[in-house]
Amino acid sequence: MTDSTKFYSMQKSLASYTLILAAFVTLAVFASSTQKDNETSNSSSNSSEMSDISQVIKPVNLDKDFSFAGEAFPMNNFDVRERLDRELSRNTYWHSNTLLNIKKANKYFPVIEKILAENGVPDDFKYLAVAESDLRNAVSPAGAKGFWQFMKPTGKSYSLEINNEVDERYHLEKATLAFTKYIKRNKERFGSWLLAAAAYNMGGTRLSKEIKLQHGNSYFDLNLNQETSRYVFRLVAIKEILTNPRDFGFYIEPVQMYQPVTEFYEVEVNKAVSNWGTFAEKYGTNYRMIKVLNPWLVSSKLTNSSKKKYIVRVPK
């Protein structure tokens, strides 16, 4: 092959390589552009969706009337405004806890509301169960238990059975009835539902001493311990958020709420039960569901030597 022929061949090959490289670069640029367009489109779409549902971080509105159990808050008092602002802000932006409480309220409030109404206690006191336990059968470090956080001696004094096999502080209906008696007694003693709530938190004896020492006439006159000073404000904050969740950025569809448990029937038990698992099998269910529907059964068995009658819920 001559030098000129070799040169012509090299030039031809170089041209082919150049065309291939140009085509590859063009394809890569087109793909990259398409991907960016798609990402921009998706980003715009996602931003639009998020703008519809994202919670806006802003101060809560204090320019309105606030009350608890029919007793008004003096919102012209700067101290009252700032204390309420703290509790409203804290509970508004404590996202997971507040979200779950809104869901649980749909499940448990109907039970509580009925018992409060039947016993002459203002409906607002259902929010005390949220403040005390987050609507759970909680256990405090001090040993208080259930939705209403009764200590053992207090629970027994209001006719709740409490032993190694049965703890009716975990029985929502019976514990709520006990609560109504307790809070009405506080109301009679202090003459105010707000002070009744404060006494529930810190104890009636201690509150009486503070009222006498400070010459206070209302909850707002008193300089109490930090927890009780915040307690009633927290109740009002919970009330406001759970009553109007969307005003505070919580958008929950009805289908997302926890539903009241109604699919069960009741079985009368008036003798010993050697094992609740065996009992469950007899009724076509399991140990877990017996415990879920009857959290007051705190042992795997029931001795029941006195042949007392218990009503046990069994899922349908």
C-alpha atoms as a PDB file:
ATOM      1  CA  MET A   1       0.000   0.000   0.000  1.00  0.00           C
ATOM      2  CA  THR A   2       1.393   3.424  -0.970  1.00  0.00           C
ATOM      3  CA  ASP A   3       1.757   6.284   1.483  1.00  0.00           C
ATOM      4  CA  SER A   4      -1.061   8.222  -0.196  1.00  0.00           C
ATOM      5  CA  THR A   5      -3.362   5.221   0.002  1.00  0.00           C
ATOM      6  CA  LYS A   6      -2.560   4.753   3.688  1.00  0.00           C
ATOM      7  CA  PHE A   7      -3.255   8.436   4.359  1.00  0.00           C
ATOM      8  CA  TYR A   8      -6.601   8.270   2.549  1.00  0.00           C
ATOM      9  CA  SER A   9      -7.601   5.175   4.540  1.00  0.00           C
ATOM     10  CA  MET A  10      -6.691   6.824   7.869  1.00  0.00           C
ATOM     11  CA  GLN A  11      -8.680   9.918   6.971  1.00  0.00           C
ATOM     12  CA  LYS A  12     -11.717   7.775   6.091  1.00  0.00           C
ATOM     13  CA  SER A  13     -11.505   5.873   9.418  1.00  0.00           C
ATOM     14  CA  LEU A  14     -11.149   9.096  11.384  1.00  0.00           C
ATOM     15  CA  ALA A  15     -14.241  10.517   9.730  1.00  0.00           C
ATOM     16  CA  SER A  16     -16.224   7.395  10.637  1.00  0.00           C
ATOM     17  CA  TYR A  17     -15.090   7.563  14.248  1.00  0.00           C
ATOM     18  CA  THR A  18     -15.992  11.246  14.377  1.00  0.00           C
ATOM     19  CA  LEU A  19     -19.508  10.561  13.109  1.00  0.00           C
ATOM     20  CA  ILE A  20     -20.005   7.780  15.668  1.00  0.00           C
ATOM     21  CA  LEU A  21     -18.731   9.963  18.508  1.00  0.00           C
ATOM     22  CA  ALA A  22     -20.979  12.846  17.448  1.00  0.00           C
ATOM     23  CA  ALA A  23     -23.996  10.557  17.355  1.00  0.00           C
ATOM     24  CA  PHE A  24     -23.182   9.197  20.816  1.00  0.00           C
ATOM     25  CA  VAL A  25     -22.760  12.703  22.288  1.00  0.00           C
ATOM     26  CA  THR A  26     -26.028  13.839  20.700  1.00  0.00           C
ATOM     27  CA  LEU A  27     -27.881  10.854  22.139  1.00  0.00           C
ATOM     28  CA  ALA A  28     -26.374  11.429  25.604  1.00  0.00           C
ATOM     29  CA  VAL A  29     -27.322  15.128  25.578  1.00  0.00           C
ATOM     30  CA  PHE A  30     -30.873  14.283  24.500  1.00  0.00           C
ATOM     31  CA  ALA A  31     -31.262  11.665  27.246  1.00  0.00           C
ATOM     32  CA  SER A  32     -29.887  14.014  29.869  1.00  0.00           C
ATOM     33  CA  SER A  33     -32.220  16.786  28.750  1.00  0.00           C
ATOM     34  CA  THR A  34     -35.215  14.460  28.822  1.00  0.00           C
ATOM     35  CA  GLN A  35     -34.333  13.248  32.323  1.00  0.00           C
ATOM     36  CA  LYS A  36     -33.984  16.810  33.602  1.00  0.00           C
ATOM     37  CA  ASP A  37     -37.314  17.757  32.053  1.00  0.00           C
ATOM     38  CA  ASN A  38     -38.953  14.773  33.759  1.00  0.00           C
ATOM     39  CA  GLU A  39     -37.306  15.596  37.090  1.00  0.00           C
ATOM     40  CA  THR A  40     -38.405  19.221  36.803  1.00  0.00           C
ATOM     41  CA  SER A  41     -41.936  18.110  35.965  1.00  0.00           C
ATOM     42  CA  ASN A  42     -42.023  15.648  38.877  1.00  0.00           C
ATOM     43  CA  SER A  43     -40.514  18.222  41.215  1.00  0.00           C
ATOM     44  CA  SER A  44     -43.144  20.786  40.223  1.00  0.00           C
ATOM     45  CA  SER A  45     -45.882  18.208  40.673  1.00  0.00           C
ATOM     46  CA  ASN A  46     -44.554  17.131  44.073  1.00  0.00           C
ATOM     47  CA  SER A  47     -44.145  20.740  45.169  1.00  0.00           C
ATOM     48  CA  SER A  48     -47.721  21.441  44.165  1.00  0.00           C
ATOM     49  CA  GLU A  49     -48.970  18.431  46.109  1.00  0.00           C
ATOM     50  CA  MET A  50     -46.863  19.262  49.147  1.00  0.00           C
ATOM     51  CA  SER A  51     -48.072  22.852  49.138  1.00  0.00           C
ATOM     52  CA  ASP A  52     -51.565  21.471  49.571  1.00  0.00           C
ATOM     53  CA  ILE A  53     -50.766  19.283  52.580  1.00  0.00           C
ATOM     54  CA  SER A  54     -47.626  20.608  54.275  1.00  0.00           C
ATOM     55  CA  GLN A  55     -48.011  22.117  57.727  1.00  0.00           C
ATOM     56  CA  VAL A  56     -47.173  25.799  57.792  1.00  0.00           C
ATOM     57  CA  ILE A  57     -45.040  26.809  60.761  1.00  0.00           C
ATOM     58  CA  LYS A  58     -46.642  29.904  62.174  1.00  0.00           C
ATOM     59  CA  PRO A  59     -47.693  31.297  65.562  1.00  0.00           C
ATOM     60  CA  VAL A  60     -51.029  30.080  66.884  1.00  0.00           C
ATOM     61  CA  ASN A  61     -53.943  32.483  66.986  1.00  0.00           C
ATOM     62  CA  LEU A  62     -54.573  33.830  70.490  1.00  0.00           C
ATOM     63  CA  ASP A  63     -57.062  36.507  69.478  1.00  0.00           C
ATOM     64  CA  LYS A  64     -60.164  34.557  70.400  1.00  0.00           C
ATOM     65  CA  ASP A  65     -62.032  33.383  73.473  1.00  0.00           C
ATOM     66  CA  PHE A  66     -60.764  30.343  75.349  1.00  0.00           C
ATOM     67  CA  SER A  67     -62.518  28.424  78.092  1.00  0.00           C
ATOM     68  CA  PHE A  68     -62.536  25.110  79.905  1.00  0.00           C
ATOM     69  CA  ALA A  69     -65.644  23.522  81.421  1.00  0.00           C
ATOM     70  CA  GLY A  70     -67.477  26.798  80.918  1.00  0.00           C
ATOM     71  CA  GLU A  71     -64.885  28.893  82.766  1.00  0.00           C
ATOM     72  CA  ALA A  72     -63.305  31.646  80.648  1.00  0.00           C
ATOM     73  CA  PHE A  73     -59.610  32.436  80.365  1.00  0.00           C
ATOM     74  CA  PRO A  74     -58.728  36.123  80.974  1.00  0.00           C
ATOM     75  CA  MET A  75     -56.953  36.669  77.652  1.00  0.00           C
ATOM     76  CA  ASN A  76     -56.320  40.351  78.436  1.00  0.00           C
ATOM     77  CA  ASN A  77     -53.746  39.123  80.968  1.00  0.00           C
ATOM     78  CA  PHE A  78     -50.304  38.900  79.304  1.00  0.00           C
ATOM     79  CA  ASP A  79     -49.220  36.100  81.647  1.00  0.00           C
ATOM     80  CA  VAL A  80     -52.241  33.993  80.689  1.00  0.00           C
ATOM     81  CA  ARG A  81     -51.655  34.651  76.961  1.00  0.00           C
ATOM     82  CA  GLU A  82     -48.012  33.623  77.110  1.00  0.00           C
ATOM     83  CA  ARG A  83     -48.681  30.470  79.138  1.00  0.00           C
ATOM     84  CA  LEU A  84     -51.423  29.389  76.759  1.00  0.00           C
ATOM     85  CA  ASP A  85     -49.246  30.240  73.758  1.00  0.00           C
ATOM     86  CA  ARG A  86     -46.585  27.882  75.079  1.00  0.00           C
ATOM     87  CA  GLU A  87     -48.950  24.930  75.400  1.00  0.00           C
ATOM     88  CA  LEU A  88     -50.709  25.556  72.092  1.00  0.00           C
ATOM     89  CA  SER A  89     -47.394  25.836  70.253  1.00  0.00           C
ATOM     90  CA  ARG A  90     -45.902  22.796  71.943  1.00  0.00           C
ATOM     91  CA  ASN A  91     -48.851  20.525  71.191  1.00  0.00           C
ATOM     92  CA  THR A  92     -49.348  21.883  67.668  1.00  0.00           C
ATOM     93  CA  TYR A  93     -45.791  21.089  66.642  1.00  0.00           C
ATOM     94  CA  TRP A  94     -45.382  17.860  68.583  1.00  0.00           C
ATOM     95  CA  HIS A  95     -46.464  16.179  65.398  1.00  0.00           C
ATOM     96  CA  SER A  96     -46.479  12.425  65.957  1.00  0.00           C
ATOM     97  CA  ASN A  97     -48.000  12.525  69.429  1.00  0.00           C
ATOM     98  CA  THR A  98     -50.743  14.992  68.522  1.00  0.00           C
ATOM     99  CA  LEU A  99     -51.534  13.160  65.290  1.00  0.00           C
ATOM    100  CA  LEU A 100     -52.006   9.874  67.136  1.00  0.00           C
ATOM    101  CA  ASN A 101     -54.135  11.514  69.825  1.00  0.00           C
ATOM    102  CA  ILE A 102     -56.483  12.889  67.163  1.00  0.00           C
ATOM    103  CA  LYS A 103     -56.848   9.392  65.721  1.00  0.00           C
ATOM    104  CA  LYS A 104     -57.377   7.762  69.130  1.00  0.00           C
ATOM    105  CA  ALA A 105     -59.909  10.373  70.214  1.00  0.00           C
ATOM    106  CA  ASN A 106     -62.271   9.116  67.519  1.00  0.00           C
ATOM    107  CA  LYS A 107     -62.056   5.643  69.061  1.00  0.00           C
ATOM    108  CA  TYR A 108     -62.333   6.428  72.768  1.00  0.00           C
ATOM    109  CA  PHE A 109     -64.136   9.758  73.175  1.00  0.00           C
ATOM    110  CA  PRO A 110     -67.614   8.335  72.475  1.00  0.00           C
ATOM    111  CA  VAL A 111     -67.238   6.005  75.492  1.00  0.00           C
ATOM    112  CA  ILE A 112     -65.905   8.757  77.761  1.00  0.00           C
ATOM    113  CA  GLU A 113     -68.377  11.432  76.634  1.00  0.00           C
ATOM    114  CA  LYS A 114     -71.374   9.252  77.450  1.00  0.00           C
ATOM    115  CA  ILE A 115     -70.200   8.544  81.009  1.00  0.00           C
ATOM    116  CA  LEU A 116     -69.267  12.178  81.699  1.00  0.00           C
ATOM    117  CA  ALA A 117     -72.686  13.363  80.490  1.00  0.00           C
ATOM    118  CA  GLU A 118     -74.583  10.756  82.518  1.00  0.00           C
ATOM    119  CA  ASN A 119     -72.765  11.848  85.671  1.00  0.00           C
ATOM    120  CA  GLY A 120     -72.930  15.623  85.346  1.00  0.00           C
ATOM    121  CA  VAL A 121     -69.286  16.295  84.473  1.00  0.00           C
ATOM    122  CA  PRO A 122     -68.497  18.850  81.710  1.00  0.00           C
ATOM    123  CA  ASP A 123     -67.562  17.292  78.394  1.00  0.00           C
ATOM    124  CA  ASP A 124     -64.241  19.165  78.362  1.00  0.00           C
ATOM    125  CA  PHE A 125     -62.875  16.769  80.965  1.00  0.00           C
ATOM    126  CA  LYS A 126     -62.414  14.136  78.272  1.00  0.00           C
ATOM    127  CA  TYR A 127     -59.274  16.083  77.349  1.00  0.00           C
ATOM    128  CA  LEU A 128     -57.860  15.339  80.772  1.00  0.00           C
ATOM    129  CA  ALA A 129     -57.498  11.695  79.695  1.00  0.00           C
ATOM    130  CA  VAL A 130     -55.382  12.897  76.772  1.00  0.00           C
ATOM    131  CA  ALA A 131     -53.176  14.996  79.061  1.00  0.00           C
ATOM    132  CA  GLU A 132     -52.826  12.210  81.616  1.00  0.00           C
ATOM    133  CA  SER A 133     -52.166   9.190  79.413  1.00  0.00           C
ATOM    134  CA  ASP A 134     -52.403  10.071  75.684  1.00  0.00           C
ATOM    135  CA  LEU A 135     -55.532   7.890  75.688  1.00  0.00           C
ATOM    136  CA  ARG A 136     -53.540   4.782  76.586  1.00  0.00           C
ATOM    137  CA  ASN A 137     -53.460   2.401  79.503  1.00  0.00           C
ATOM    138  CA  ALA A 138     -50.221   4.030  80.544  1.00  0.00           C
ATOM    139  CA  VAL A 139     -48.126   3.352  83.642  1.00  0.00           C
ATOM    140  CA  SER A 140     -46.300   6.228  85.327  1.00  0.00           C
ATOM    141  CA  PRO A 141     -42.952   5.882  87.148  1.00  0.00           C
ATOM    142  CA  ALA A 142     -44.891   6.401  90.397  1.00  0.00           C
ATOM    143  CA  GLY A 143     -47.269   3.534  89.626  1.00  0.00           C
ATOM    144  CA  ALA A 144     -50.324   5.480  88.424  1.00  0.00           C
ATOM    145  CA  LYS A 145     -52.174   3.455  85.789  1.00  0.00           C
ATOM    146  CA  GLY A 146     -54.825   3.614  83.117  1.00  0.00           C
ATOM    147  CA  PHE A 147     -56.383   6.412  81.068  1.00  0.00           C
ATOM    148  CA  TRP A 148     -56.999   8.470  84.211  1.00  0.00           C
ATOM    149  CA  GLN A 149     -53.728   7.606  85.965  1.00  0.00           C
ATOM    150  CA  PHE A 150     -55.143   6.452  89.285  1.00  0.00           C
ATOM    151  CA  MET A 151     -52.767   5.424  92.029  1.00  0.00           C
ATOM    152  CA  LYS A 152     -53.691   2.115  93.652  1.00  0.00           C
ATOM    153  CA  PRO A 153     -55.117   3.534  96.943  1.00  0.00           C
ATOM    154  CA  THR A 154     -57.172   6.138  95.067  1.00  0.00           C
ATOM    155  CA  GLY A 155     -58.523   3.580  92.634  1.00  0.00           C
ATOM    156  CA  LYS A 156     -59.577   1.288  95.465  1.00  0.00           C
ATOM    157  CA  SER A 157     -61.231   4.172  97.317  1.00  0.00           C
ATOM    158  CA  TYR A 158     -63.468   4.646  94.272  1.00  0.00           C
ATOM    159  CA  SER A 159     -64.476   0.964  94.149  1.00  0.00           C
ATOM    160  CA  LEU A 160     -62.057  -0.232  91.483  1.00  0.00           C
ATOM    161  CA  GLU A 161     -60.850  -3.809  91.958  1.00  0.00           C
ATOM    162  CA  ILE A 162     -57.061  -3.915  91.947  1.00  0.00           C
ATOM    163  CA  ASN A 163     -55.057  -7.087  92.572  1.00  0.00           C
ATOM    164  CA  ASN A 164     -52.620  -9.428  90.835  1.00  0.00           C
ATOM    165  CA  GLU A 165     -55.256 -10.730  88.410  1.00  0.00           C
ATOM    166  CA  VAL A 166     -57.652  -7.838  87.899  1.00  0.00           C
ATOM    167  CA  ASP A 167     -56.860  -4.132  87.643  1.00  0.00           C
ATOM    168  CA  GLU A 168     -59.916  -2.071  86.840  1.00  0.00           C
ATOM    169  CA  ARG A 169     -57.858   1.071  86.403  1.00  0.00           C
ATOM    170  CA  TYR A 170     -57.460  -0.428  82.924  1.00  0.00           C
ATOM    171  CA  HIS A 171     -61.232  -0.847  82.513  1.00  0.00           C
ATOM    172  CA  LEU A 172     -62.173   2.285  80.575  1.00  0.00           C
ATOM    173  CA  GLU A 173     -65.837   2.410  81.534  1.00  0.00           C
ATOM    174  CA  LYS A 174     -65.345   1.646  85.233  1.00  0.00           C
ATOM    175  CA  ALA A 175     -62.309   3.909  85.570  1.00  0.00           C
ATOM    176  CA  THR A 176     -64.134   6.780  83.844  1.00  0.00           C
ATOM    177  CA  LEU A 177     -67.043   6.404  86.233  1.00  0.00           C
ATOM    178  CA  ALA A 178     -64.577   6.556  89.143  1.00  0.00           C
ATOM    179  CA  PHE A 179     -63.059   9.676  87.604  1.00  0.00           C
ATOM    180  CA  THR A 180     -66.421  11.443  87.504  1.00  0.00           C
ATOM    181  CA  LYS A 181     -66.858  10.869  91.240  1.00  0.00           C
ATOM    182  CA  TYR A 182     -63.330  12.093  91.962  1.00  0.00           C
ATOM    183  CA  ILE A 183     -63.555  15.288  89.894  1.00  0.00           C
ATOM    184  CA  LYS A 184     -67.023  16.199  91.203  1.00  0.00           C
ATOM    185  CA  ARG A 185     -65.690  15.874  94.729  1.00  0.00           C
ATOM    186  CA  ASN A 186     -62.887  18.298  93.807  1.00  0.00           C
ATOM    187  CA  LYS A 187     -65.428  20.713  92.341  1.00  0.00           C
ATOM    188  CA  GLU A 188     -67.467  20.665  95.538  1.00  0.00           C
ATOM    189  CA  ARG A 189     -64.344  21.309  97.572  1.00  0.00           C
ATOM    190  CA  PHE A 190     -62.864  24.159  95.523  1.00  0.00           C
ATOM    191  CA  GLY A 191     -65.916  25.657  93.814  1.00  0.00           C
ATOM    192  CA  SER A 192     -64.300  25.779  90.368  1.00  0.00           C
ATOM    193  CA  TRP A 193     -63.796  23.257  87.608  1.00  0.00           C
ATOM    194  CA  LEU A 194     -60.376  24.756  86.834  1.00  0.00           C
ATOM    195  CA  LEU A 195     -59.266  24.325  90.435  1.00  0.00           C
ATOM    196  CA  ALA A 196     -60.788  20.844  90.409  1.00  0.00           C
ATOM    197  CA  ALA A 197     -58.494  19.991  87.486  1.00  0.00           C
ATOM    198  CA  ALA A 198     -55.498  21.551  89.237  1.00  0.00           C
ATOM    199  CA  ALA A 199     -56.255  19.507  92.354  1.00  0.00           C
ATOM    200  CA  TYR A 200     -56.438  16.361  90.221  1.00  0.00           C
ATOM    201  CA  ASN A 201     -52.899  17.069  89.095  1.00  0.00           C
ATOM    202  CA  MET A 202     -51.235  18.120  92.351  1.00  0.00           C
ATOM    203  CA  GLY A 203     -53.560  16.781  95.031  1.00  0.00           C
ATOM    204  CA  GLY A 204     -56.300  18.543  96.955  1.00  0.00           C
ATOM    205  CA  THR A 205     -54.367  18.917 100.208  1.00  0.00           C
ATOM    206  CA  ARG A 206     -51.414  20.632  98.557  1.00  0.00           C
ATOM    207  CA  LEU A 207     -53.687  22.917  96.531  1.00  0.00           C
ATOM    208  CA  SER A 208     -55.617  23.940  99.641  1.00  0.00           C
ATOM    209  CA  LYS A 209     -52.348  24.900 101.355  1.00  0.00           C
ATOM    210  CA  GLU A 210     -51.260  27.000  98.377  1.00  0.00           C
ATOM    211  CA  ILE A 211     -54.610  28.801  98.169  1.00  0.00           C
ATOM    212  CA  LYS A 212     -54.429  29.639 101.857  1.00  0.00           C
ATOM    213  CA  LEU A 213     -50.787  30.730 101.670  1.00  0.00           C
ATOM    214  CA  GLN A 214     -51.165  32.864  98.536  1.00  0.00           C
ATOM    215  CA  HIS A 215     -54.666  34.241  99.242  1.00  0.00           C
ATOM    216  CA  GLY A 216     -55.646  33.202  95.733  1.00  0.00           C
ATOM    217  CA  ASN A 217     -59.217  33.294  94.452  1.00  0.00           C
ATOM    218  CA  SER A 218     -58.781  31.496  91.137  1.00  0.00           C
ATOM    219  CA  TYR A 219     -56.406  29.211  89.272  1.00  0.00           C
ATOM    220  CA  PHE A 220     -54.932  32.235  87.492  1.00  0.00           C
ATOM    221  CA  ASP A 221     -54.072  33.935  90.808  1.00  0.00           C
ATOM    222  CA  LEU A 222     -51.888  31.081  91.985  1.00  0.00           C
ATOM    223  CA  ASN A 223     -48.168  30.492  91.541  1.00  0.00           C
ATOM    224  CA  LEU A 224     -48.097  26.692  91.630  1.00  0.00           C
ATOM    225  CA  ASN A 225     -45.443  24.104  90.815  1.00  0.00           C
ATOM    226  CA  GLN A 226     -44.344  24.007  87.181  1.00  0.00           C
ATOM    227  CA  GLU A 227     -46.439  21.005  86.176  1.00  0.00           C
ATOM    228  CA  THR A 228     -49.685  22.258  87.700  1.00  0.00           C
ATOM    229  CA  SER A 229     -49.051  25.814  86.461  1.00  0.00           C
ATOM    230  CA  ARG A 230     -49.050  24.386  82.938  1.00  0.00           C
ATOM    231  CA  TYR A 231     -51.723  21.735  83.446  1.00  0.00           C
ATOM    232  CA  VAL A 232     -54.960  23.617  82.769  1.00  0.00           C
ATOM    233  CA  PHE A 233     -53.367  25.505  79.874  1.00  0.00           C
ATOM    234  CA  ARG A 234     -52.365  22.176  78.401  1.00  0.00           C
ATOM    235  CA  LEU A 235     -55.944  20.926  78.709  1.00  0.00           C
ATOM    236  CA  VAL A 236     -57.214  23.939  76.769  1.00  0.00           C
ATOM    237  CA  ALA A 237     -54.507  23.536  74.135  1.00  0.00           C
ATOM    238  CA  ILE A 238     -55.451  19.887  73.630  1.00  0.00           C
ATOM    239  CA  LYS A 239     -59.111  20.847  73.442  1.00  0.00           C
ATOM    240  CA  GLU A 240     -58.465  23.468  70.768  1.00  0.00           C
ATOM    241  CA  ILE A 241     -56.320  21.220  68.587  1.00  0.00           C
ATOM    242  CA  LEU A 242     -58.498  18.115  68.810  1.00  0.00           C
ATOM    243  CA  THR A 243     -61.664  20.145  68.207  1.00  0.00           C
ATOM    244  CA  ASN A 244     -60.298  21.977  65.155  1.00  0.00           C
ATOM    245  CA  PRO A 245     -57.311  19.943  63.912  1.00  0.00           C
ATOM    246  CA  ARG A 246     -57.190  21.530  60.448  1.00  0.00           C
ATOM    247  CA  ASP A 247     -56.814  24.983  61.981  1.00  0.00           C
ATOM    248  CA  PHE A 248     -53.497  23.690  63.328  1.00  0.00           C
ATOM    249  CA  GLY A 249     -52.336  21.893  60.173  1.00  0.00           C
ATOM    250  CA  PHE A 250     -53.545  18.356  60.894  1.00  0.00           C
ATOM    251  CA  TYR A 251     -55.384  16.909  57.902  1.00  0.00           C
ATOM    252  CA  ILE A 252     -56.741  13.456  58.688  1.00  0.00           C
ATOM    253  CA  GLU A 253     -59.411  11.782  56.623  1.00  0.00           C
ATOM    254  CA  PRO A 254     -62.239   9.946  58.421  1.00  0.00           C
ATOM    255  CA  VAL A 255     -61.014   6.597  57.076  1.00  0.00           C
ATOM    256  CA  GLN A 256     -57.631   7.236  58.749  1.00  0.00           C
ATOM    257  CA  MET A 257     -59.161   7.625  62.209  1.00  0.00           C
ATOM    258  CA  TYR A 258     -59.069   4.744  64.690  1.00  0.00           C
ATOM    259  CA  GLN A 259     -62.551   3.305  64.918  1.00  0.00           C
ATOM    260  CA  PRO A 260     -64.521   2.390  68.048  1.00  0.00           C
ATOM    261  CA  VAL A 261     -64.439  -1.348  68.740  1.00  0.00           C
ATOM    262  CA  THR A 262     -67.989  -2.659  68.482  1.00  0.00           C
ATOM    263  CA  GLU A 263     -67.549  -6.140  67.002  1.00  0.00           C
ATOM    264  CA  PHE A 264     -67.676  -8.112  70.230  1.00  0.00           C
ATOM    265  CA  TYR A 265     -70.136  -9.866  72.505  1.00  0.00           C
ATOM    266  CA  GLU A 266     -70.071 -10.293  76.275  1.00  0.00           C
ATOM    267  CA  VAL A 267     -69.583 -13.513  78.210  1.00  0.00           C
ATOM    268  CA  GLU A 268     -70.432 -13.771  81.900  1.00  0.00           C
ATOM    269  CA  VAL A 269     -67.675 -15.438  83.928  1.00  0.00           C
ATOM    270  CA  ASN A 270     -68.523 -16.387  87.521  1.00  0.00           C
ATOM    271  CA  LYS A 271     -65.939 -19.062  88.235  1.00  0.00           C
ATOM    272  CA  ALA A 272     -62.209 -19.624  87.982  1.00  0.00           C
ATOM    273  CA  VAL A 273     -60.425 -19.498  84.628  1.00  0.00           C
ATOM    274  CA  SER A 274     -57.251 -21.567  84.653  1.00  0.00           C
ATOM    275  CA  ASN A 275     -55.843 -19.975  81.513  1.00  0.00           C
ATOM    276  CA  TRP A 276     -57.185 -17.181  79.302  1.00  0.00           C
ATOM    277  CA  GLY A 277     -55.567 -18.833  76.282  1.00  0.00           C
ATOM    278  CA  THR A 278     -57.706 -21.934  76.816  1.00  0.00           C
ATOM    279  CA  PHE A 279     -60.741 -19.687  77.362  1.00  0.00           C
ATOM    280  CA  ALA A 280     -59.978 -17.895  74.082  1.00  0.00           C
ATOM    281  CA  GLU A 281     -59.774 -21.160  72.124  1.00  0.00           C
ATOM    282  CA  LYS A 282     -63.162 -22.162  73.479  1.00  0.00           C
ATOM    283  CA  TYR A 283     -64.682 -19.046  71.923  1.00  0.00           C
ATOM    284  CA  GLY A 284     -62.813 -19.233  68.643  1.00  0.00           C
ATOM    285  CA  THR A 285     -60.355 -16.436  69.296  1.00  0.00           C
ATOM    286  CA  ASN A 286     -56.876 -16.013  70.785  1.00  0.00           C
ATOM    287  CA  TYR A 287     -55.175 -14.831  73.964  1.00  0.00           C
ATOM    288  CA  ARG A 288     -54.080 -11.542  72.390  1.00  0.00           C
ATOM    289  CA  MET A 289     -57.621 -10.476  71.460  1.00  0.00           C
ATOM    290  CA  ILE A 290     -58.975 -11.337  74.905  1.00  0.00           C
ATOM    291  CA  LYS A 291     -56.311  -9.044  76.384  1.00  0.00           C
ATOM    292  CA  VAL A 292     -56.947  -6.267  73.837  1.00  0.00           C
ATOM    293  CA  LEU A 293     -60.679  -6.212  74.560  1.00  0.00           C
ATOM    294  CA  ASN A 294     -60.222  -6.731  78.309  1.00  0.00           C
ATOM    295  CA  PRO A 295     -56.990  -4.955  79.355  1.00  0.00           C
ATOM    296  CA  TRP A 296     -58.120  -5.084  82.992  1.00  0.00           C
ATOM    297  CA  LEU A 297     -57.373  -8.834  83.002  1.00  0.00           C
ATOM    298  CA  VAL A 298     -53.730  -8.486  84.021  1.00  0.00           C
ATOM    299  CA  SER A 299     -52.866 -12.157  84.597  1.00  0.00           C
ATOM    300  CA  SER A 300     -52.971 -15.299  82.499  1.00  0.00           C
ATOM    301  CA  LYS A 301     -55.635 -16.714  84.828  1.00  0.00           C
ATOM    302  CA  LEU A 302     -58.519 -15.773  87.133  1.00  0.00           C
ATOM    303  CA  THR A 303     -58.718 -17.470  90.529  1.00  0.00           C
ATOM    304  CA  ASN A 304     -62.115 -15.970  91.455  1.00  0.00           C
ATOM    305  CA  SER A 305     -62.552 -17.942  94.666  1.00  0.00           C
ATOM    306  CA  SER A 306     -65.478 -15.682  95.635  1.00  0.00           C
ATOM    307  CA  LYS A 307     -67.388 -16.609  92.445  1.00  0.00           C
ATOM    308  CA  LYS A 308     -67.718 -12.954  91.528  1.00  0.00           C
ATOM    309  CA  LYS A 309     -69.417 -12.147  88.219  1.00  0.00           C
ATOM    310  CA  TYR A 310     -67.182 -10.638  85.527  1.00  0.00           C
ATOM    311  CA  ILE A 311     -68.195  -9.545  82.052  1.00  0.00           C
ATOM    312  CA  VAL A 312     -65.565 -10.520  79.487  1.00  0.00           C
ATOM    313  CA  ARG A 313     -65.630  -9.226  75.930  1.00  0.00           C
ATOM    314  CA  VAL A 314     -65.054 -11.709  73.123  1.00  0.00           C
ATOM    315  CA  PRO A 315     -64.592 -10.691  69.462  1.00  0.00           C
ATOM    316  CA  LYS A 316     -67.337 -11.700  67.056  1.00  0.00           C
END
